[in-house]
Amino acid sequence: MPKRPEYRKGNYYHIYNRGRSRLSIFHHPDDYFDVLSRMRKYAGALQLKIIAYVLLPNHYHFLIRQDGDHRASLFPQRIFNGYGKRYNLIYEHSGTIFEGNAKGIWVDRENYLLHLCRYIHANPLKHGLVDSLDDWPYSNFHEWVGCRSGQLWDASFVANNFKSSENYQDFLMDYIVSKIEPDGFAEGLVLD
């Protein structure tokens, strides 16, 4: 089971949060792009490696590795403090946009670490936002399967844990078929 965070170099963390009262935290593609830009900036500044991520209309998930001495919990703080101010200005909102502080789970088991990758990438399907993962641009699934180049992923993590993009897609499909989609749906499901 997940353990409470011990913010240390080399550890992996699942960090997530959702909008207050399920408030949409993203309304327009520019909102997503703003957060993606902040993710690039702060991942480098805080010496964090993004393994998997997904941004959804009312919540987000990050799987990150802390490669330096800066606590991984600073990542969502830095991203969403500035984004929250922008959100409040643009959408004439006041106060926090989140339920509370981001939740952080120290991921200390390899099987759980690998499961989180597919759980995070499958979220757009789980929430019925798309019929194909290829249709959701706000995750690094596309980088994992070689359909897009980007900076917000760790190619060596993927190579060290999966033989190929097809191997990862099979791993992901096993989860989708068993946990998300009703019997028979997966026959027409497109992952790339």
C-alpha atoms as a PDB file:
ATOM      1  CA  MET A   1       0.000   0.000   0.000  1.00  0.00           C
ATOM      2  CA  PRO A   2       1.113   3.595  -0.476  1.00  0.00           C
ATOM      3  CA  LYS A   3       3.137   5.129   2.307  1.00  0.00           C
ATOM      4  CA  ARG A   4       3.353   8.676   3.642  1.00  0.00           C
ATOM      5  CA  PRO A   5       5.910  10.745   1.801  1.00  0.00           C
ATOM      6  CA  GLU A   6       9.513  10.763   2.888  1.00  0.00           C
ATOM      7  CA  TYR A   7      10.815  13.468   0.587  1.00  0.00           C
ATOM      8  CA  ARG A   8      14.229  12.146  -0.347  1.00  0.00           C
ATOM      9  CA  LYS A   9      16.429  12.120  -3.378  1.00  0.00           C
ATOM     10  CA  GLY A  10      15.726   9.112  -5.606  1.00  0.00           C
ATOM     11  CA  ASN A  11      12.178   8.531  -4.343  1.00  0.00           C
ATOM     12  CA  TYR A  12       9.081   8.471  -6.546  1.00  0.00           C
ATOM     13  CA  TYR A  13       5.865  10.308  -5.636  1.00  0.00           C
ATOM     14  CA  HIS A  14       2.295  10.294  -6.875  1.00  0.00           C
ATOM     15  CA  ILE A  15       1.012  13.840  -6.430  1.00  0.00           C
ATOM     16  CA  TYR A  16      -2.573  14.788  -7.203  1.00  0.00           C
ATOM     17  CA  ASN A  17      -5.355  17.218  -6.404  1.00  0.00           C
ATOM     18  CA  ARG A  18      -8.767  18.269  -7.654  1.00  0.00           C
ATOM     19  CA  GLY A  19     -10.793  21.417  -7.926  1.00  0.00           C
ATOM     20  CA  ARG A  20     -12.729  22.624  -4.898  1.00  0.00           C
ATOM     21  CA  SER A  21     -16.227  21.121  -5.032  1.00  0.00           C
ATOM     22  CA  ARG A  22     -15.084  19.485  -8.280  1.00  0.00           C
ATOM     23  CA  LEU A  23     -14.607  22.911  -9.845  1.00  0.00           C
ATOM     24  CA  SER A  24     -13.157  22.820 -13.354  1.00  0.00           C
ATOM     25  CA  ILE A  25      -9.593  24.041 -13.044  1.00  0.00           C
ATOM     26  CA  PHE A  26      -9.078  24.059 -16.816  1.00  0.00           C
ATOM     27  CA  HIS A  27     -11.577  25.679 -19.190  1.00  0.00           C
ATOM     28  CA  HIS A  28      -9.563  26.396 -22.311  1.00  0.00           C
ATOM     29  CA  PRO A  29      -6.521  24.863 -24.047  1.00  0.00           C
ATOM     30  CA  ASP A  30      -4.516  27.933 -22.969  1.00  0.00           C
ATOM     31  CA  ASP A  31      -5.086  26.904 -19.334  1.00  0.00           C
ATOM     32  CA  TYR A  32      -3.520  23.495 -19.959  1.00  0.00           C
ATOM     33  CA  PHE A  33      -0.627  25.032 -21.905  1.00  0.00           C
ATOM     34  CA  ASP A  34       0.040  27.481 -19.086  1.00  0.00           C
ATOM     35  CA  VAL A  35       0.366  24.628 -16.578  1.00  0.00           C
ATOM     36  CA  LEU A  36       2.506  22.571 -18.970  1.00  0.00           C
ATOM     37  CA  SER A  37       4.859  25.524 -19.312  1.00  0.00           C
ATOM     38  CA  ARG A  38       5.066  25.866 -15.533  1.00  0.00           C
ATOM     39  CA  MET A  39       5.702  22.117 -15.231  1.00  0.00           C
ATOM     40  CA  ARG A  40       8.717  22.377 -17.569  1.00  0.00           C
ATOM     41  CA  LYS A  41      10.078  25.357 -15.651  1.00  0.00           C
ATOM     42  CA  TYR A  42       9.735  23.929 -12.160  1.00  0.00           C
ATOM     43  CA  ALA A  43      10.708  20.342 -12.947  1.00  0.00           C
ATOM     44  CA  GLY A  44      14.111  21.639 -14.002  1.00  0.00           C
ATOM     45  CA  ALA A  45      14.454  24.207 -11.229  1.00  0.00           C
ATOM     46  CA  LEU A  46      13.525  21.671  -8.530  1.00  0.00           C
ATOM     47  CA  GLN A  47      15.540  18.797 -10.024  1.00  0.00           C
ATOM     48  CA  LEU A  48      12.503  16.590 -10.550  1.00  0.00           C
ATOM     49  CA  LYS A  49      11.913  14.096 -13.326  1.00  0.00           C
ATOM     50  CA  ILE A  50       8.359  13.740 -14.579  1.00  0.00           C
ATOM     51  CA  ILE A  51       7.546  10.105 -15.191  1.00  0.00           C
ATOM     52  CA  ALA A  52       3.823  10.274 -16.008  1.00  0.00           C
ATOM     53  CA  TYR A  53       1.251  13.034 -15.858  1.00  0.00           C
ATOM     54  CA  VAL A  54      -2.278  13.858 -16.885  1.00  0.00           C
ATOM     55  CA  LEU A  55      -4.169  17.140 -16.660  1.00  0.00           C
ATOM     56  CA  LEU A  56      -7.968  16.760 -16.602  1.00  0.00           C
ATOM     57  CA  PRO A  57     -10.735  19.353 -16.415  1.00  0.00           C
ATOM     58  CA  ASN A  58     -11.113  19.152 -12.623  1.00  0.00           C
ATOM     59  CA  HIS A  59      -7.988  17.356 -11.376  1.00  0.00           C
ATOM     60  CA  TYR A  60      -4.444  16.284 -12.165  1.00  0.00           C
ATOM     61  CA  HIS A  61      -2.000  13.454 -11.455  1.00  0.00           C
ATOM     62  CA  PHE A  62       1.804  13.629 -11.470  1.00  0.00           C
ATOM     63  CA  LEU A  63       4.200  10.728 -11.001  1.00  0.00           C
ATOM     64  CA  ILE A  64       7.603  12.257 -10.361  1.00  0.00           C
ATOM     65  CA  ARG A  65      11.056  11.285  -9.131  1.00  0.00           C
ATOM     66  CA  GLN A  66      12.944  13.623  -6.825  1.00  0.00           C
ATOM     67  CA  ASP A  67      16.471  13.815  -8.248  1.00  0.00           C
ATOM     68  CA  GLY A  68      17.774  16.583  -5.963  1.00  0.00           C
ATOM     69  CA  ASP A  69      17.328  17.914  -2.455  1.00  0.00           C
ATOM     70  CA  HIS A  70      14.233  20.037  -3.177  1.00  0.00           C
ATOM     71  CA  ARG A  71      11.119  18.343  -1.802  1.00  0.00           C
ATOM     72  CA  ALA A  72       8.840  17.017  -4.547  1.00  0.00           C
ATOM     73  CA  SER A  73       5.892  18.595  -2.704  1.00  0.00           C
ATOM     74  CA  LEU A  74       7.152  22.009  -3.863  1.00  0.00           C
ATOM     75  CA  PHE A  75       6.292  21.121  -7.467  1.00  0.00           C
ATOM     76  CA  PRO A  76       2.491  21.541  -7.303  1.00  0.00           C
ATOM     77  CA  GLN A  77       2.864  24.523  -4.954  1.00  0.00           C
ATOM     78  CA  ARG A  78       5.042  26.411  -7.414  1.00  0.00           C
ATOM     79  CA  ILE A  79       2.923  25.494 -10.428  1.00  0.00           C
ATOM     80  CA  PHE A  80      -0.497  26.169  -8.990  1.00  0.00           C
ATOM     81  CA  ASN A  81       0.198  29.239  -6.847  1.00  0.00           C
ATOM     82  CA  GLY A  82       0.885  31.218 -10.006  1.00  0.00           C
ATOM     83  CA  TYR A  83      -1.731  29.400 -12.034  1.00  0.00           C
ATOM     84  CA  GLY A  84      -4.374  30.029  -9.344  1.00  0.00           C
ATOM     85  CA  LYS A  85      -3.738  33.772  -9.515  1.00  0.00           C
ATOM     86  CA  ARG A  86      -4.052  33.675 -13.298  1.00  0.00           C
ATOM     87  CA  TYR A  87      -7.221  31.564 -13.058  1.00  0.00           C
ATOM     88  CA  ASN A  88      -8.844  33.953 -10.573  1.00  0.00           C
ATOM     89  CA  LEU A  89      -8.061  36.950 -12.762  1.00  0.00           C
ATOM     90  CA  ILE A  90      -9.244  35.426 -16.038  1.00  0.00           C
ATOM     91  CA  TYR A  91     -12.343  33.649 -14.696  1.00  0.00           C
ATOM     92  CA  GLU A  92     -13.300  36.296 -12.114  1.00  0.00           C
ATOM     93  CA  HIS A  93     -13.024  33.790  -9.311  1.00  0.00           C
ATOM     94  CA  SER A  94     -11.780  34.412  -5.793  1.00  0.00           C
ATOM     95  CA  GLY A  95     -10.042  32.143  -3.344  1.00  0.00           C
ATOM     96  CA  THR A  96      -8.493  28.773  -3.784  1.00  0.00           C
ATOM     97  CA  ILE A  97      -9.388  26.619  -6.755  1.00  0.00           C
ATOM     98  CA  PHE A  98      -8.394  23.364  -5.013  1.00  0.00           C
ATOM     99  CA  GLU A  99      -9.939  21.286  -2.229  1.00  0.00           C
ATOM    100  CA  GLY A 100      -6.809  21.649  -0.165  1.00  0.00           C
ATOM    101  CA  ASN A 101      -3.116  20.961  -0.424  1.00  0.00           C
ATOM    102  CA  ALA A 102      -1.974  18.490  -3.034  1.00  0.00           C
ATOM    103  CA  LYS A 103      -1.833  14.912  -1.838  1.00  0.00           C
ATOM    104  CA  GLY A 104       1.498  13.139  -2.064  1.00  0.00           C
ATOM    105  CA  ILE A 105       2.152   9.420  -1.822  1.00  0.00           C
ATOM    106  CA  TRP A 106       5.618   7.943  -1.623  1.00  0.00           C
ATOM    107  CA  VAL A 107       5.774   5.099  -4.143  1.00  0.00           C
ATOM    108  CA  ASP A 108       8.162   2.519  -2.750  1.00  0.00           C
ATOM    109  CA  ARG A 109       7.206  -0.637  -4.658  1.00  0.00           C
ATOM    110  CA  GLU A 110       8.049  -1.276  -8.300  1.00  0.00           C
ATOM    111  CA  ASN A 111       4.779  -2.994  -9.164  1.00  0.00           C
ATOM    112  CA  TYR A 112       2.831  -0.045  -7.745  1.00  0.00           C
ATOM    113  CA  LEU A 113       5.109   2.408  -9.575  1.00  0.00           C
ATOM    114  CA  LEU A 114       4.459   0.726 -12.920  1.00  0.00           C
ATOM    115  CA  HIS A 115       0.726   0.422 -12.232  1.00  0.00           C
ATOM    116  CA  LEU A 116       0.548   4.169 -11.520  1.00  0.00           C
ATOM    117  CA  CYS A 117       1.929   4.915 -14.987  1.00  0.00           C
ATOM    118  CA  ARG A 118      -0.978   3.183 -16.681  1.00  0.00           C
ATOM    119  CA  TYR A 119      -3.514   4.405 -14.121  1.00  0.00           C
ATOM    120  CA  ILE A 120      -2.473   8.010 -14.803  1.00  0.00           C
ATOM    121  CA  HIS A 121      -2.448   7.606 -18.584  1.00  0.00           C
ATOM    122  CA  ALA A 122      -5.845   5.854 -18.606  1.00  0.00           C
ATOM    123  CA  ASN A 123      -7.610   8.636 -16.663  1.00  0.00           C
ATOM    124  CA  PRO A 124      -9.117  10.380 -19.722  1.00  0.00           C
ATOM    125  CA  LEU A 125     -10.830   7.091 -20.658  1.00  0.00           C
ATOM    126  CA  LYS A 126     -11.812   6.360 -17.078  1.00  0.00           C
ATOM    127  CA  HIS A 127     -13.637   9.691 -16.857  1.00  0.00           C
ATOM    128  CA  GLY A 128     -15.246   9.375 -20.290  1.00  0.00           C
ATOM    129  CA  LEU A 129     -13.459  12.381 -21.771  1.00  0.00           C
ATOM    130  CA  VAL A 130     -12.330  10.529 -24.907  1.00  0.00           C
ATOM    131  CA  ASP A 131     -12.860   7.239 -26.696  1.00  0.00           C
ATOM    132  CA  SER A 132      -9.165   6.945 -27.522  1.00  0.00           C
ATOM    133  CA  LEU A 133      -6.127   7.962 -25.482  1.00  0.00           C
ATOM    134  CA  ASP A 134      -4.750   9.407 -28.693  1.00  0.00           C
ATOM    135  CA  ASP A 135      -7.423  12.115 -28.446  1.00  0.00           C
ATOM    136  CA  TRP A 136      -6.286  13.499 -25.069  1.00  0.00           C
ATOM    137  CA  PRO A 137      -3.279  15.791 -25.579  1.00  0.00           C
ATOM    138  CA  TYR A 138      -2.734  16.759 -21.918  1.00  0.00           C
ATOM    139  CA  SER A 139      -0.709  13.777 -20.758  1.00  0.00           C
ATOM    140  CA  ASN A 140       2.644  12.300 -21.678  1.00  0.00           C
ATOM    141  CA  PHE A 141       1.103   9.081 -22.992  1.00  0.00           C
ATOM    142  CA  HIS A 142       1.976  10.225 -26.519  1.00  0.00           C
ATOM    143  CA  GLU A 143       5.673  10.495 -25.642  1.00  0.00           C
ATOM    144  CA  TRP A 144       5.629   7.061 -24.023  1.00  0.00           C
ATOM    145  CA  VAL A 145       4.367   5.428 -27.217  1.00  0.00           C
ATOM    146  CA  GLY A 146       6.540   7.452 -29.613  1.00  0.00           C
ATOM    147  CA  CYS A 147       3.790   9.581 -31.201  1.00  0.00           C
ATOM    148  CA  ARG A 148       5.068  12.942 -29.945  1.00  0.00           C
ATOM    149  CA  SER A 149       8.356  14.355 -28.789  1.00  0.00           C
ATOM    150  CA  GLY A 150       8.320  16.350 -25.589  1.00  0.00           C
ATOM    151  CA  GLN A 151      10.311  17.304 -22.523  1.00  0.00           C
ATOM    152  CA  LEU A 152       7.921  16.189 -19.785  1.00  0.00           C
ATOM    153  CA  TRP A 153       8.889  12.536 -19.525  1.00  0.00           C
ATOM    154  CA  ASP A 154      11.847  10.309 -18.754  1.00  0.00           C
ATOM    155  CA  ALA A 155      12.710   8.185 -21.786  1.00  0.00           C
ATOM    156  CA  SER A 156      15.227   6.145 -19.784  1.00  0.00           C
ATOM    157  CA  PHE A 157      12.534   5.203 -17.238  1.00  0.00           C
ATOM    158  CA  VAL A 158      10.317   3.922 -20.030  1.00  0.00           C
ATOM    159  CA  ALA A 159      13.175   2.037 -21.724  1.00  0.00           C
ATOM    160  CA  ASN A 160      14.302   0.473 -18.446  1.00  0.00           C
ATOM    161  CA  ASN A 161      10.835  -0.736 -17.496  1.00  0.00           C
ATOM    162  CA  PHE A 162       9.211  -1.661 -20.814  1.00  0.00           C
ATOM    163  CA  LYS A 163      10.808  -3.476 -23.744  1.00  0.00           C
ATOM    164  CA  SER A 164       9.007  -1.329 -26.302  1.00  0.00           C
ATOM    165  CA  SER A 165       6.136   1.073 -26.742  1.00  0.00           C
ATOM    166  CA  GLU A 166       4.030  -1.915 -27.798  1.00  0.00           C
ATOM    167  CA  ASN A 167       4.914  -3.645 -24.522  1.00  0.00           C
ATOM    168  CA  TYR A 168       3.704  -0.602 -22.584  1.00  0.00           C
ATOM    169  CA  GLN A 169       0.532  -0.382 -24.680  1.00  0.00           C
ATOM    170  CA  ASP A 170      -0.223  -4.043 -23.912  1.00  0.00           C
ATOM    171  CA  PHE A 171       0.346  -3.367 -20.200  1.00  0.00           C
ATOM    172  CA  LEU A 172      -1.973  -0.367 -20.386  1.00  0.00           C
ATOM    173  CA  MET A 173      -4.609  -2.279 -22.372  1.00  0.00           C
ATOM    174  CA  ASP A 174      -4.683  -5.022 -19.717  1.00  0.00           C
ATOM    175  CA  TYR A 175      -5.657  -2.373 -17.168  1.00  0.00           C
ATOM    176  CA  ILE A 176      -8.213  -0.706 -19.435  1.00  0.00           C
ATOM    177  CA  VAL A 177      -9.921  -3.974 -20.311  1.00  0.00           C
ATOM    178  CA  SER A 178      -9.997  -5.262 -16.743  1.00  0.00           C
ATOM    179  CA  LYS A 179     -10.776  -2.065 -14.821  1.00  0.00           C
ATOM    180  CA  ILE A 180     -12.304   0.583 -17.044  1.00  0.00           C
ATOM    181  CA  GLU A 181     -14.184  -0.633 -20.081  1.00  0.00           C
ATOM    182  CA  PRO A 182     -17.129  -3.051 -20.288  1.00  0.00           C
ATOM    183  CA  ASP A 183     -16.660  -6.413 -21.997  1.00  0.00           C
ATOM    184  CA  GLY A 184     -16.152  -6.128 -25.726  1.00  0.00           C
ATOM    185  CA  PHE A 185     -15.456  -2.401 -25.842  1.00  0.00           C
ATOM    186  CA  ALA A 186     -11.680  -2.805 -26.076  1.00  0.00           C
ATOM    187  CA  GLU A 187     -11.921  -4.476 -29.491  1.00  0.00           C
ATOM    188  CA  GLY A 188     -12.432  -1.089 -31.126  1.00  0.00           C
ATOM    189  CA  LEU A 189     -10.245   0.916 -28.760  1.00  0.00           C
ATOM    190  CA  VAL A 190      -7.366   2.778 -30.368  1.00  0.00           C
ATOM    191  CA  LEU A 191      -4.270   3.522 -28.294  1.00  0.00           C
ATOM    192  CA  ASP A 192      -1.993   5.130 -30.866  1.00  0.00           C
END
